[in-house]
Amino acid sequence: MTLMKVLRVQKNIWNKLTYTLVGMLILISCTNEDKSLPILGEKEMVEGQEVPHSIPDFSFVNQDSTIITNDQLNSGPYVADFFFTHCPSICPIVTKQMLRIHDAFKEENLKLVSFTMDPKRDTPERLKDYASKLEVDAPKWHFLTGDKEELHDIATDFFNVVIEDDEAPGGFNHSGKIILVDKNRHIRAFCEGTDEEDVDDFIKDIKILLSENED
């Protein structure tokens, strides 16, 4: 892919995500008073009815070489991010915040899911070693690998951008958003994983959603 094409694709993705996220921020500001979380993302028309955005079916392999699909995650909410183990830029920062979330909700019905952007290098064995160094394991925290195209395609459904670029640090241009998904596959909140204060607010959103599930 030429550099101009990469930049054009990246601009189109960022524009779409920007419009979506601006709308979501407006929705969030309108719901703060009643302490409920909106369903985020663009709605689609299906057979004449509006259908809220949801995470599509996926099937990837975790660090234990176990196939993980949406069905393994529908017992409660989960938190998701996109990373790669040799990332020299923002991934370590985002992973540190994911670890904060893991520790804060260790005893709660909340799972974490980290999708690799680089499945060629990030085999289940390598992801297992990565998880071991963090002292975390499945099924609380799944590190997923699989088909590269499928992983990159689903990133946009999680409001993340993943673009291969030989000139970018580690070979990928990518965002660092952390996403909160409910048991019905709807995105309910997000934050910038490089912003600790934003993650603080995100943790409050997780508590709201967990309380909602108890009602």
N, C-alpha and C. Protein backbone atom coordinates (compact mmCIF):
# COMPACT_ATOMS: atom_id res chain seq x y z
N MET A 1 0.85 -1.19 0.00
CA MET A 1 0.00 0.00 0.00
C MET A 1 0.89 1.25 0.00
N THR A 2 0.63 2.18 -0.92
CA THR A 2 1.45 3.38 -0.98
C THR A 2 1.19 4.28 0.22
N LEU A 3 2.15 5.19 0.49
CA LEU A 3 2.01 6.09 1.64
C LEU A 3 0.78 6.97 1.49
N MET A 4 0.53 7.47 0.26
CA MET A 4 -0.64 8.33 0.05
C MET A 4 -1.92 7.58 0.31
N LYS A 5 -1.98 6.31 -0.10
CA LYS A 5 -3.19 5.53 0.13
C LYS A 5 -3.38 5.28 1.61
N VAL A 6 -2.28 4.97 2.32
CA VAL A 6 -2.37 4.76 3.77
C VAL A 6 -2.92 6.00 4.46
N LEU A 7 -2.37 7.17 4.08
CA LEU A 7 -2.81 8.42 4.70
C LEU A 7 -4.28 8.70 4.39
N ARG A 8 -4.69 8.39 3.16
CA ARG A 8 -6.08 8.63 2.77
C ARG A 8 -7.03 7.72 3.55
N VAL A 9 -6.66 6.43 3.67
CA VAL A 9 -7.48 5.49 4.44
C VAL A 9 -7.55 5.92 5.90
N GLN A 10 -6.40 6.32 6.45
CA GLN A 10 -6.35 6.74 7.85
C GLN A 10 -7.23 7.96 8.08
N LYS A 11 -7.17 8.93 7.14
CA LYS A 11 -7.99 10.13 7.29
C LYS A 11 -9.46 9.79 7.26
N ASN A 12 -9.87 8.90 6.37
CA ASN A 12 -11.29 8.53 6.28
C ASN A 12 -11.76 7.84 7.56
N ILE A 13 -10.92 6.95 8.09
CA ILE A 13 -11.29 6.26 9.33
C ILE A 13 -11.39 7.24 10.49
N TRP A 14 -10.39 8.11 10.60
CA TRP A 14 -10.39 9.08 11.71
C TRP A 14 -11.58 10.02 11.61
N ASN A 15 -11.94 10.45 10.39
CA ASN A 15 -13.09 11.34 10.22
C ASN A 15 -14.37 10.66 10.70
N LYS A 16 -14.54 9.41 10.30
CA LYS A 16 -15.74 8.67 10.69
C LYS A 16 -15.79 8.50 12.20
N LEU A 17 -14.65 8.12 12.79
CA LEU A 17 -14.61 7.93 14.23
C LEU A 17 -14.82 9.23 14.98
N THR A 18 -14.26 10.33 14.44
CA THR A 18 -14.40 11.62 15.10
C THR A 18 -15.87 12.03 15.18
N TYR A 19 -16.59 11.92 14.07
CA TYR A 19 -18.01 12.28 14.08
C TYR A 19 -18.79 11.40 15.05
N THR A 20 -18.46 10.12 15.07
CA THR A 20 -19.15 9.20 15.98
C THR A 20 -18.87 9.53 17.43
N LEU A 21 -17.60 9.79 17.75
CA LEU A 21 -17.22 10.04 19.13
C LEU A 21 -17.74 11.37 19.64
N VAL A 22 -17.81 12.38 18.77
CA VAL A 22 -18.39 13.66 19.18
C VAL A 22 -19.85 13.46 19.56
N GLY A 23 -20.56 12.69 18.76
CA GLY A 23 -21.95 12.41 19.10
C GLY A 23 -22.09 11.65 20.39
N MET A 24 -21.17 10.72 20.63
CA MET A 24 -21.22 9.95 21.86
C MET A 24 -20.94 10.81 23.07
N LEU A 25 -20.02 11.76 22.95
CA LEU A 25 -19.71 12.64 24.07
C LEU A 25 -20.92 13.48 24.44
N ILE A 26 -21.67 13.90 23.43
CA ILE A 26 -22.89 14.66 23.70
C ILE A 26 -23.89 13.79 24.45
N LEU A 27 -24.02 12.52 24.01
CA LEU A 27 -24.94 11.61 24.68
C LEU A 27 -24.52 11.37 26.12
N ILE A 28 -23.21 11.20 26.33
CA ILE A 28 -22.71 10.95 27.68
C ILE A 28 -23.01 12.13 28.60
N SER A 29 -22.79 13.36 28.10
CA SER A 29 -23.03 14.54 28.92
C SER A 29 -24.50 14.67 29.29
N CYS A 30 -25.37 14.15 28.42
CA CYS A 30 -26.81 14.25 28.69
C CYS A 30 -27.27 13.18 29.69
N THR A 31 -26.45 12.14 29.92
CA THR A 31 -26.89 11.05 30.78
C THR A 31 -26.17 11.03 32.12
N ASN A 32 -25.27 11.95 32.34
CA ASN A 32 -24.52 11.94 33.59
C ASN A 32 -25.42 12.09 34.80
N GLU A 33 -26.50 12.88 34.65
CA GLU A 33 -27.34 13.19 35.80
C GLU A 33 -28.09 11.96 36.29
N ASP A 34 -28.51 11.06 35.37
CA ASP A 34 -29.29 9.92 35.83
C ASP A 34 -28.42 8.69 36.06
N LYS A 35 -27.09 8.86 35.98
CA LYS A 35 -26.15 7.79 36.31
C LYS A 35 -26.38 6.53 35.50
N SER A 36 -26.78 6.67 34.25
CA SER A 36 -26.89 5.53 33.36
C SER A 36 -25.97 5.74 32.16
N LEU A 37 -25.59 4.66 31.53
CA LEU A 37 -24.69 4.75 30.39
C LEU A 37 -25.46 4.52 29.10
N PRO A 38 -25.22 5.36 28.10
CA PRO A 38 -25.91 5.18 26.81
C PRO A 38 -25.30 4.04 26.02
N ILE A 39 -26.01 3.60 24.99
CA ILE A 39 -25.45 2.69 24.00
C ILE A 39 -24.80 3.55 22.93
N LEU A 40 -23.51 3.37 22.71
CA LEU A 40 -22.76 4.25 21.83
C LEU A 40 -22.63 3.66 20.43
N GLY A 41 -22.30 4.53 19.48
CA GLY A 41 -22.09 4.09 18.11
C GLY A 41 -23.25 4.45 17.20
N GLU A 42 -22.99 4.37 15.90
CA GLU A 42 -24.00 4.71 14.91
C GLU A 42 -25.03 3.59 14.79
N LYS A 43 -26.30 3.97 14.78
CA LYS A 43 -27.36 2.99 14.59
C LYS A 43 -27.47 2.62 13.11
N GLU A 44 -27.97 1.42 12.85
CA GLU A 44 -28.19 0.96 11.49
C GLU A 44 -29.67 0.68 11.27
N MET A 45 -30.10 0.82 10.03
CA MET A 45 -31.47 0.49 9.68
C MET A 45 -31.54 -0.95 9.20
N VAL A 46 -32.32 -1.77 9.89
CA VAL A 46 -32.50 -3.17 9.52
C VAL A 46 -33.99 -3.44 9.41
N GLU A 47 -34.43 -3.74 8.19
CA GLU A 47 -35.84 -4.00 7.92
C GLU A 47 -36.72 -2.87 8.44
N GLY A 48 -36.26 -1.65 8.22
CA GLY A 48 -37.05 -0.47 8.57
C GLY A 48 -36.97 -0.06 10.02
N GLN A 49 -36.15 -0.74 10.82
CA GLN A 49 -36.02 -0.40 12.23
C GLN A 49 -34.59 -0.03 12.57
N GLU A 50 -34.43 0.92 13.49
CA GLU A 50 -33.10 1.30 13.93
C GLU A 50 -32.55 0.25 14.89
N VAL A 51 -31.35 -0.18 14.62
CA VAL A 51 -30.69 -1.18 15.46
C VAL A 51 -29.41 -0.57 16.01
N PRO A 52 -29.21 -0.62 17.32
CA PRO A 52 -28.00 -0.02 17.90
C PRO A 52 -26.74 -0.75 17.47
N HIS A 53 -25.65 -0.02 17.46
CA HIS A 53 -24.35 -0.61 17.13
C HIS A 53 -24.02 -1.74 18.10
N SER A 54 -23.43 -2.80 17.57
CA SER A 54 -23.00 -3.91 18.42
C SER A 54 -21.74 -4.53 17.84
N ILE A 55 -21.01 -5.21 18.68
CA ILE A 55 -19.78 -5.89 18.26
C ILE A 55 -20.17 -7.13 17.46
N PRO A 56 -19.65 -7.29 16.24
CA PRO A 56 -20.00 -8.45 15.41
C PRO A 56 -19.38 -9.74 15.95
N ASP A 57 -19.84 -10.86 15.40
CA ASP A 57 -19.27 -12.15 15.78
C ASP A 57 -17.77 -12.16 15.53
N PHE A 58 -17.03 -12.78 16.43
CA PHE A 58 -15.61 -12.99 16.19
C PHE A 58 -15.18 -14.31 16.80
N SER A 59 -14.07 -14.83 16.30
CA SER A 59 -13.50 -16.06 16.81
C SER A 59 -11.98 -15.96 16.71
N PHE A 60 -11.32 -15.85 17.86
CA PHE A 60 -9.88 -15.74 17.90
C PHE A 60 -9.33 -16.73 18.93
N VAL A 61 -8.02 -16.81 19.03
CA VAL A 61 -7.37 -17.76 19.93
C VAL A 61 -6.67 -17.00 21.04
N ASN A 62 -6.84 -17.45 22.28
CA ASN A 62 -6.21 -16.74 23.39
C ASN A 62 -4.84 -17.31 23.74
N GLN A 63 -4.26 -16.81 24.80
CA GLN A 63 -2.91 -17.19 25.20
C GLN A 63 -2.80 -18.65 25.62
N ASP A 64 -3.94 -19.29 25.88
CA ASP A 64 -3.93 -20.71 26.23
C ASP A 64 -4.30 -21.59 25.04
N SER A 65 -4.29 -20.98 23.84
CA SER A 65 -4.67 -21.68 22.60
C SER A 65 -6.12 -22.14 22.62
N THR A 66 -6.95 -21.42 23.36
CA THR A 66 -8.38 -21.69 23.42
C THR A 66 -9.13 -20.73 22.51
N ILE A 67 -10.07 -21.25 21.73
CA ILE A 67 -10.87 -20.39 20.86
C ILE A 67 -11.84 -19.57 21.72
N ILE A 68 -11.82 -18.26 21.50
CA ILE A 68 -12.69 -17.35 22.24
C ILE A 68 -13.62 -16.65 21.25
N THR A 69 -14.92 -16.73 21.52
CA THR A 69 -15.92 -16.05 20.71
C THR A 69 -16.74 -15.12 21.61
N ASN A 70 -17.69 -14.43 21.01
CA ASN A 70 -18.58 -13.58 21.80
C ASN A 70 -19.29 -14.37 22.89
N ASP A 71 -19.58 -15.64 22.61
CA ASP A 71 -20.34 -16.45 23.56
C ASP A 71 -19.61 -16.63 24.89
N GLN A 72 -18.27 -16.63 24.84
CA GLN A 72 -17.51 -16.76 26.09
C GLN A 72 -17.50 -15.48 26.90
N LEU A 73 -18.03 -14.39 26.33
CA LEU A 73 -17.94 -13.09 26.99
C LEU A 73 -19.31 -12.51 27.37
N ASN A 74 -20.38 -13.27 27.11
CA ASN A 74 -21.71 -12.67 27.30
C ASN A 74 -22.31 -12.89 28.69
N SER A 75 -21.48 -13.35 29.64
CA SER A 75 -21.99 -13.50 31.01
C SER A 75 -21.98 -12.18 31.76
N GLY A 76 -21.31 -11.19 31.21
CA GLY A 76 -21.22 -9.88 31.84
C GLY A 76 -20.44 -8.94 30.96
N PRO A 77 -20.18 -7.72 31.43
CA PRO A 77 -19.43 -6.76 30.61
C PRO A 77 -17.96 -7.14 30.49
N TYR A 78 -17.31 -6.57 29.48
CA TYR A 78 -15.87 -6.74 29.35
C TYR A 78 -15.24 -5.46 28.84
N VAL A 79 -13.95 -5.33 29.08
CA VAL A 79 -13.17 -4.17 28.66
C VAL A 79 -12.19 -4.65 27.59
N ALA A 80 -12.05 -3.88 26.50
CA ALA A 80 -11.22 -4.31 25.38
C ALA A 80 -10.24 -3.22 24.96
N ASP A 81 -9.08 -3.66 24.46
CA ASP A 81 -8.13 -2.75 23.85
C ASP A 81 -7.39 -3.48 22.74
N PHE A 82 -6.59 -2.72 21.95
CA PHE A 82 -5.77 -3.28 20.87
C PHE A 82 -4.32 -2.91 21.13
N PHE A 83 -3.42 -3.90 20.97
CA PHE A 83 -2.02 -3.70 21.33
C PHE A 83 -1.16 -4.65 20.50
N PHE A 84 0.16 -4.61 20.70
CA PHE A 84 1.05 -5.67 20.24
C PHE A 84 2.25 -5.72 21.17
N THR A 85 2.79 -6.90 21.37
CA THR A 85 3.73 -7.12 22.47
C THR A 85 5.04 -6.36 22.30
N HIS A 86 5.47 -6.09 21.06
CA HIS A 86 6.74 -5.38 20.86
C HIS A 86 6.53 -3.89 20.59
N CYS A 87 5.35 -3.37 20.90
CA CYS A 87 5.02 -1.97 20.66
C CYS A 87 5.95 -1.05 21.44
N PRO A 88 6.61 -0.10 20.74
CA PRO A 88 7.55 0.79 21.42
C PRO A 88 6.95 2.14 21.81
N SER A 89 5.64 2.31 21.57
CA SER A 89 5.05 3.63 21.80
C SER A 89 4.01 3.60 22.92
N ILE A 90 2.72 3.61 22.57
CA ILE A 90 1.69 3.81 23.59
C ILE A 90 1.19 2.53 24.25
N CYS A 91 1.43 1.37 23.63
CA CYS A 91 0.87 0.13 24.18
C CYS A 91 1.25 -0.14 25.63
N PRO A 92 2.52 0.03 26.02
CA PRO A 92 2.85 -0.20 27.43
C PRO A 92 2.08 0.71 28.39
N ILE A 93 1.81 1.93 27.94
CA ILE A 93 1.05 2.87 28.78
C ILE A 93 -0.40 2.39 28.93
N VAL A 94 -0.99 1.98 27.79
CA VAL A 94 -2.38 1.50 27.81
C VAL A 94 -2.47 0.21 28.63
N THR A 95 -1.51 -0.69 28.45
CA THR A 95 -1.52 -1.95 29.19
C THR A 95 -1.43 -1.70 30.70
N LYS A 96 -0.66 -0.70 31.09
CA LYS A 96 -0.56 -0.35 32.51
C LYS A 96 -1.93 0.07 33.04
N GLN A 97 -2.70 0.81 32.25
CA GLN A 97 -4.04 1.22 32.67
C GLN A 97 -5.00 0.04 32.65
N MET A 98 -4.84 -0.86 31.69
CA MET A 98 -5.66 -2.09 31.68
C MET A 98 -5.38 -2.90 32.95
N LEU A 99 -4.13 -2.93 33.36
CA LEU A 99 -3.77 -3.66 34.58
C LEU A 99 -4.41 -3.01 35.81
N ARG A 100 -4.49 -1.68 35.81
CA ARG A 100 -5.20 -0.97 36.88
C ARG A 100 -6.64 -1.43 36.95
N ILE A 101 -7.28 -1.51 35.78
CA ILE A 101 -8.68 -1.94 35.72
C ILE A 101 -8.81 -3.38 36.19
N HIS A 102 -7.89 -4.23 35.75
CA HIS A 102 -7.89 -5.62 36.18
C HIS A 102 -7.84 -5.72 37.69
N ASP A 103 -6.94 -5.00 38.30
CA ASP A 103 -6.76 -5.08 39.76
C ASP A 103 -7.95 -4.47 40.50
N ALA A 104 -8.53 -3.42 39.94
CA ALA A 104 -9.67 -2.75 40.60
C ALA A 104 -10.92 -3.63 40.61
N PHE A 105 -11.03 -4.52 39.60
CA PHE A 105 -12.25 -5.34 39.47
C PHE A 105 -11.92 -6.83 39.48
N LYS A 106 -10.89 -7.17 40.22
CA LYS A 106 -10.42 -8.55 40.25
C LYS A 106 -11.50 -9.51 40.73
N GLU A 107 -12.33 -9.06 41.65
CA GLU A 107 -13.36 -9.92 42.23
C GLU A 107 -14.73 -9.70 41.61
N GLU A 108 -14.81 -8.85 40.60
CA GLU A 108 -16.10 -8.54 39.97
C GLU A 108 -16.29 -9.35 38.69
N ASN A 109 -17.53 -9.38 38.22
CA ASN A 109 -17.85 -10.10 36.98
C ASN A 109 -17.51 -9.21 35.78
N LEU A 110 -16.22 -8.99 35.59
CA LEU A 110 -15.73 -8.16 34.49
C LEU A 110 -14.51 -8.84 33.89
N LYS A 111 -14.53 -9.04 32.57
CA LYS A 111 -13.39 -9.62 31.88
C LYS A 111 -12.64 -8.54 31.10
N LEU A 112 -11.40 -8.83 30.76
CA LEU A 112 -10.60 -7.95 29.92
C LEU A 112 -10.18 -8.73 28.68
N VAL A 113 -10.15 -8.04 27.55
CA VAL A 113 -9.79 -8.67 26.27
C VAL A 113 -8.83 -7.74 25.53
N SER A 114 -7.64 -8.24 25.22
CA SER A 114 -6.66 -7.47 24.47
C SER A 114 -6.41 -8.17 23.13
N PHE A 115 -6.74 -7.47 22.04
CA PHE A 115 -6.57 -7.99 20.69
C PHE A 115 -5.21 -7.54 20.15
N THR A 116 -4.39 -8.47 19.65
CA THR A 116 -3.13 -8.06 19.07
C THR A 116 -3.33 -7.50 17.66
N MET A 117 -2.53 -6.51 17.30
CA MET A 117 -2.50 -5.99 15.94
C MET A 117 -1.51 -6.76 15.07
N ASP A 118 -0.65 -7.54 15.70
CA ASP A 118 0.46 -8.18 15.00
C ASP A 118 0.46 -9.69 15.26
N PRO A 119 -0.51 -10.41 14.69
CA PRO A 119 -0.60 -11.85 14.97
C PRO A 119 0.58 -12.65 14.42
N LYS A 120 1.30 -12.10 13.44
CA LYS A 120 2.47 -12.82 12.91
C LYS A 120 3.49 -13.06 14.00
N ARG A 121 3.74 -12.05 14.83
CA ARG A 121 4.68 -12.19 15.94
C ARG A 121 3.99 -12.69 17.20
N ASP A 122 2.77 -12.21 17.43
CA ASP A 122 2.09 -12.51 18.70
C ASP A 122 1.33 -13.82 18.61
N THR A 123 2.08 -14.91 18.71
CA THR A 123 1.51 -16.25 18.77
C THR A 123 0.91 -16.48 20.15
N PRO A 124 0.11 -17.53 20.31
CA PRO A 124 -0.40 -17.84 21.65
C PRO A 124 0.71 -18.00 22.68
N GLU A 125 1.83 -18.60 22.26
CA GLU A 125 2.95 -18.79 23.19
C GLU A 125 3.53 -17.45 23.63
N ARG A 126 3.68 -16.55 22.70
CA ARG A 126 4.22 -15.24 23.06
C ARG A 126 3.25 -14.46 23.93
N LEU A 127 1.96 -14.57 23.63
CA LEU A 127 0.96 -13.89 24.45
C LEU A 127 0.90 -14.50 25.85
N LYS A 128 1.12 -15.81 25.94
CA LYS A 128 1.15 -16.47 27.25
C LYS A 128 2.30 -15.93 28.09
N ASP A 129 3.44 -15.76 27.47
CA ASP A 129 4.59 -15.21 28.18
C ASP A 129 4.33 -13.77 28.61
N TYR A 130 3.67 -13.01 27.74
CA TYR A 130 3.35 -11.61 28.04
C TYR A 130 2.39 -11.53 29.23
N ALA A 131 1.35 -12.38 29.21
CA ALA A 131 0.38 -12.40 30.31
C ALA A 131 1.04 -12.83 31.62
N SER A 132 1.96 -13.78 31.53
CA SER A 132 2.64 -14.28 32.73
C SER A 132 3.47 -13.17 33.38
N LYS A 133 4.11 -12.35 32.55
CA LYS A 133 4.91 -11.26 33.09
C LYS A 133 4.03 -10.22 33.78
N LEU A 134 2.78 -10.09 33.33
CA LEU A 134 1.84 -9.18 33.98
C LEU A 134 1.18 -9.83 35.20
N GLU A 135 1.40 -11.14 35.35
CA GLU A 135 0.81 -11.93 36.44
C GLU A 135 -0.71 -11.94 36.34
N VAL A 136 -1.21 -12.13 35.11
CA VAL A 136 -2.65 -12.26 34.87
C VAL A 136 -2.88 -13.51 34.03
N ASP A 137 -4.12 -13.98 34.01
CA ASP A 137 -4.41 -15.16 33.21
C ASP A 137 -5.87 -15.19 32.79
N ALA A 138 -6.16 -16.11 31.86
CA ALA A 138 -7.53 -16.35 31.42
C ALA A 138 -8.21 -17.23 32.48
N PRO A 139 -9.54 -17.14 32.62
CA PRO A 139 -10.46 -16.39 31.76
C PRO A 139 -10.70 -14.94 32.17
N LYS A 140 -9.98 -14.45 33.17
CA LYS A 140 -10.18 -13.05 33.58
C LYS A 140 -9.71 -12.09 32.50
N TRP A 141 -8.55 -12.40 31.89
CA TRP A 141 -7.99 -11.51 30.87
C TRP A 141 -7.52 -12.35 29.69
N HIS A 142 -8.19 -12.20 28.57
CA HIS A 142 -7.84 -12.92 27.35
C HIS A 142 -6.96 -12.03 26.47
N PHE A 143 -5.86 -12.60 25.99
CA PHE A 143 -5.03 -11.96 24.97
C PHE A 143 -5.25 -12.74 23.68
N LEU A 144 -5.81 -12.06 22.68
CA LEU A 144 -6.30 -12.78 21.50
C LEU A 144 -5.46 -12.52 20.26
N THR A 145 -5.28 -13.58 19.47
CA THR A 145 -4.59 -13.51 18.19
C THR A 145 -5.40 -14.30 17.17
N GLY A 146 -5.04 -14.16 15.90
CA GLY A 146 -5.79 -14.85 14.85
C GLY A 146 -5.45 -14.28 13.49
N ASP A 147 -6.44 -14.25 12.61
CA ASP A 147 -6.24 -13.72 11.26
C ASP A 147 -6.04 -12.21 11.31
N LYS A 148 -4.96 -11.74 10.67
CA LYS A 148 -4.61 -10.32 10.76
C LYS A 148 -5.72 -9.43 10.19
N GLU A 149 -6.25 -9.79 9.04
CA GLU A 149 -7.28 -8.95 8.42
C GLU A 149 -8.52 -8.86 9.29
N GLU A 150 -8.91 -9.98 9.90
CA GLU A 150 -10.08 -9.97 10.77
C GLU A 150 -9.83 -9.13 12.01
N LEU A 151 -8.63 -9.21 12.56
CA LEU A 151 -8.30 -8.42 13.75
C LEU A 151 -8.33 -6.93 13.42
N HIS A 152 -7.75 -6.55 12.28
CA HIS A 152 -7.72 -5.14 11.92
C HIS A 152 -9.11 -4.62 11.57
N ASP A 153 -9.92 -5.47 10.92
CA ASP A 153 -11.27 -5.05 10.55
C ASP A 153 -12.14 -4.80 11.78
N ILE A 154 -12.02 -5.68 12.78
CA ILE A 154 -12.90 -5.55 13.94
C ILE A 154 -12.48 -4.39 14.84
N ALA A 155 -11.26 -3.90 14.67
CA ALA A 155 -10.79 -2.78 15.49
C ALA A 155 -11.72 -1.58 15.36
N THR A 156 -12.19 -1.31 14.14
CA THR A 156 -13.07 -0.15 13.94
C THR A 156 -14.39 -0.32 14.69
N ASP A 157 -14.85 -1.55 14.85
CA ASP A 157 -16.08 -1.79 15.62
C ASP A 157 -15.88 -1.45 17.09
N PHE A 158 -14.63 -1.49 17.53
CA PHE A 158 -14.28 -1.11 18.90
C PHE A 158 -13.76 0.34 18.97
N PHE A 159 -14.05 1.15 17.93
CA PHE A 159 -13.65 2.56 17.89
C PHE A 159 -12.14 2.75 17.92
N ASN A 160 -11.39 1.77 17.44
CA ASN A 160 -9.94 1.87 17.37
C ASN A 160 -9.47 1.90 15.92
N VAL A 161 -8.33 2.50 15.69
CA VAL A 161 -7.72 2.57 14.37
C VAL A 161 -6.45 1.74 14.37
N VAL A 162 -6.34 0.85 13.38
CA VAL A 162 -5.13 0.03 13.20
C VAL A 162 -4.75 0.07 11.73
N ILE A 163 -3.60 0.63 11.41
CA ILE A 163 -3.12 0.70 10.03
C ILE A 163 -1.64 0.32 10.00
N GLU A 164 -1.32 -0.66 9.17
CA GLU A 164 0.09 -1.01 9.01
C GLU A 164 0.84 0.12 8.31
N ASP A 165 1.99 0.46 8.84
CA ASP A 165 2.80 1.54 8.29
C ASP A 165 4.26 1.29 8.68
N ASP A 166 5.08 0.97 7.68
CA ASP A 166 6.48 0.65 7.96
C ASP A 166 7.24 1.79 8.63
N GLU A 167 6.75 3.02 8.44
CA GLU A 167 7.44 4.17 9.01
C GLU A 167 6.96 4.52 10.42
N ALA A 168 5.90 3.85 10.89
CA ALA A 168 5.38 4.12 12.24
C ALA A 168 6.15 3.29 13.27
N PRO A 169 6.20 3.74 14.52
CA PRO A 169 6.87 2.96 15.56
C PRO A 169 6.29 1.56 15.68
N GLY A 170 7.11 0.56 15.50
CA GLY A 170 6.64 -0.82 15.59
C GLY A 170 5.92 -1.31 14.35
N GLY A 171 5.74 -0.42 13.36
CA GLY A 171 5.10 -0.83 12.11
C GLY A 171 3.61 -0.61 12.04
N PHE A 172 3.01 0.06 13.04
CA PHE A 172 1.57 0.28 13.04
C PHE A 172 1.22 1.69 13.50
N ASN A 173 0.31 2.33 12.78
CA ASN A 173 -0.37 3.52 13.28
C ASN A 173 -1.62 3.03 14.00
N HIS A 174 -1.81 3.45 15.23
CA HIS A 174 -2.94 2.92 15.98
C HIS A 174 -3.34 3.89 17.09
N SER A 175 -4.59 3.75 17.51
CA SER A 175 -5.10 4.53 18.64
C SER A 175 -4.98 3.70 19.91
N GLY A 176 -5.28 4.31 21.04
CA GLY A 176 -5.12 3.62 22.32
C GLY A 176 -6.37 3.65 23.18
N LYS A 177 -7.53 3.55 22.53
CA LYS A 177 -8.77 3.60 23.29
C LYS A 177 -9.04 2.28 24.02
N ILE A 178 -9.62 2.42 25.20
CA ILE A 178 -10.12 1.28 25.97
C ILE A 178 -11.64 1.35 25.94
N ILE A 179 -12.27 0.23 25.66
CA ILE A 179 -13.70 0.19 25.38
C ILE A 179 -14.44 -0.69 26.39
N LEU A 180 -15.59 -0.23 26.83
CA LEU A 180 -16.45 -1.01 27.74
C LEU A 180 -17.64 -1.56 26.95
N VAL A 181 -17.77 -2.88 26.94
CA VAL A 181 -18.83 -3.57 26.18
C VAL A 181 -19.74 -4.31 27.16
N ASP A 182 -21.05 -4.19 26.99
CA ASP A 182 -21.96 -4.91 27.89
C ASP A 182 -22.22 -6.33 27.38
N LYS A 183 -22.99 -7.08 28.13
CA LYS A 183 -23.22 -8.49 27.80
C LYS A 183 -24.05 -8.68 26.54
N ASN A 184 -24.63 -7.59 26.04
CA ASN A 184 -25.39 -7.64 24.79
C ASN A 184 -24.59 -7.12 23.60
N ARG A 185 -23.27 -6.99 23.77
CA ARG A 185 -22.34 -6.58 22.72
C ARG A 185 -22.40 -5.08 22.41
N HIS A 186 -23.08 -4.30 23.23
CA HIS A 186 -23.17 -2.86 23.00
C HIS A 186 -22.03 -2.13 23.70
N ILE A 187 -21.44 -1.15 23.02
CA ILE A 187 -20.42 -0.32 23.65
C ILE A 187 -21.10 0.73 24.52
N ARG A 188 -20.66 0.81 25.78
CA ARG A 188 -21.34 1.69 26.73
C ARG A 188 -20.45 2.84 27.20
N ALA A 189 -19.12 2.72 27.03
CA ALA A 189 -18.22 3.80 27.44
C ALA A 189 -16.85 3.54 26.81
N PHE A 190 -16.03 4.58 26.78
CA PHE A 190 -14.67 4.44 26.27
C PHE A 190 -13.79 5.49 26.93
N CYS A 191 -12.49 5.31 26.83
CA CYS A 191 -11.55 6.29 27.34
C CYS A 191 -10.26 6.22 26.54
N GLU A 192 -9.42 7.23 26.70
CA GLU A 192 -8.09 7.20 26.12
C GLU A 192 -7.16 6.50 27.11
N GLY A 193 -6.61 5.38 26.70
CA GLY A 193 -5.80 4.58 27.59
C GLY A 193 -4.47 5.21 27.97
N THR A 194 -4.14 6.32 27.32
CA THR A 194 -2.91 7.05 27.66
C THR A 194 -3.15 8.19 28.64
N ASP A 195 -4.41 8.37 29.05
CA ASP A 195 -4.79 9.48 29.92
C ASP A 195 -5.30 8.92 31.25
N GLU A 196 -4.50 8.99 32.28
CA GLU A 196 -4.86 8.38 33.56
C GLU A 196 -6.15 8.95 34.14
N GLU A 197 -6.35 10.26 34.01
CA GLU A 197 -7.58 10.86 34.54
C GLU A 197 -8.80 10.38 33.77
N ASP A 198 -8.64 10.22 32.46
CA ASP A 198 -9.74 9.70 31.66
C ASP A 198 -10.06 8.26 32.07
N VAL A 199 -9.04 7.49 32.39
CA VAL A 199 -9.26 6.12 32.87
C VAL A 199 -9.95 6.13 34.22
N ASP A 200 -9.64 7.11 35.07
CA ASP A 200 -10.32 7.24 36.36
C ASP A 200 -11.83 7.36 36.15
N ASP A 201 -12.23 8.21 35.21
CA ASP A 201 -13.66 8.37 34.91
C ASP A 201 -14.24 7.09 34.31
N PHE A 202 -13.43 6.42 33.49
CA PHE A 202 -13.86 5.16 32.87
C PHE A 202 -14.14 4.10 33.93
N ILE A 203 -13.32 4.06 34.94
CA ILE A 203 -13.54 3.11 36.04
C ILE A 203 -14.88 3.38 36.72
N LYS A 204 -15.24 4.64 36.86
CA LYS A 204 -16.55 4.98 37.41
C LYS A 204 -17.67 4.46 36.50
N ASP A 205 -17.46 4.56 35.19
CA ASP A 205 -18.45 4.04 34.24
C ASP A 205 -18.61 2.53 34.38
N ILE A 206 -17.50 1.84 34.58
CA ILE A 206 -17.57 0.39 34.77
C ILE A 206 -18.42 0.06 35.99
N LYS A 207 -18.23 0.80 37.07
CA LYS A 207 -19.01 0.57 38.28
C LYS A 207 -20.50 0.79 38.03
N ILE A 208 -20.81 1.80 37.24
CA ILE A 208 -22.21 2.07 36.90
C ILE A 208 -22.81 0.89 36.14
N LEU A 209 -22.06 0.39 35.15
CA LEU A 209 -22.58 -0.73 34.35
C LEU A 209 -22.71 -2.00 35.17
N LEU A 210 -21.77 -2.25 36.06
CA LEU A 210 -21.87 -3.43 36.92
C LEU A 210 -23.07 -3.31 37.83
N SER A 211 -23.36 -2.11 38.33
CA SER A 211 -24.54 -1.91 39.17
C SER A 211 -25.81 -2.12 38.36
N GLU A 212 -25.78 -1.67 37.12
CA GLU A 212 -26.93 -1.85 36.22
C GLU A 212 -27.24 -3.33 36.03
N ASN A 213 -26.20 -4.15 35.91
CA ASN A 213 -26.38 -5.58 35.71
C ASN A 213 -26.95 -6.26 36.95
N GLU A 214 -26.76 -5.64 38.11
CA GLU A 214 -27.26 -6.24 39.35
C GLU A 214 -28.73 -5.92 39.57
N ASP A 215 -29.24 -4.89 38.87
CA ASP A 215 -30.63 -4.48 39.08
C ASP A 215 -31.60 -5.50 38.49
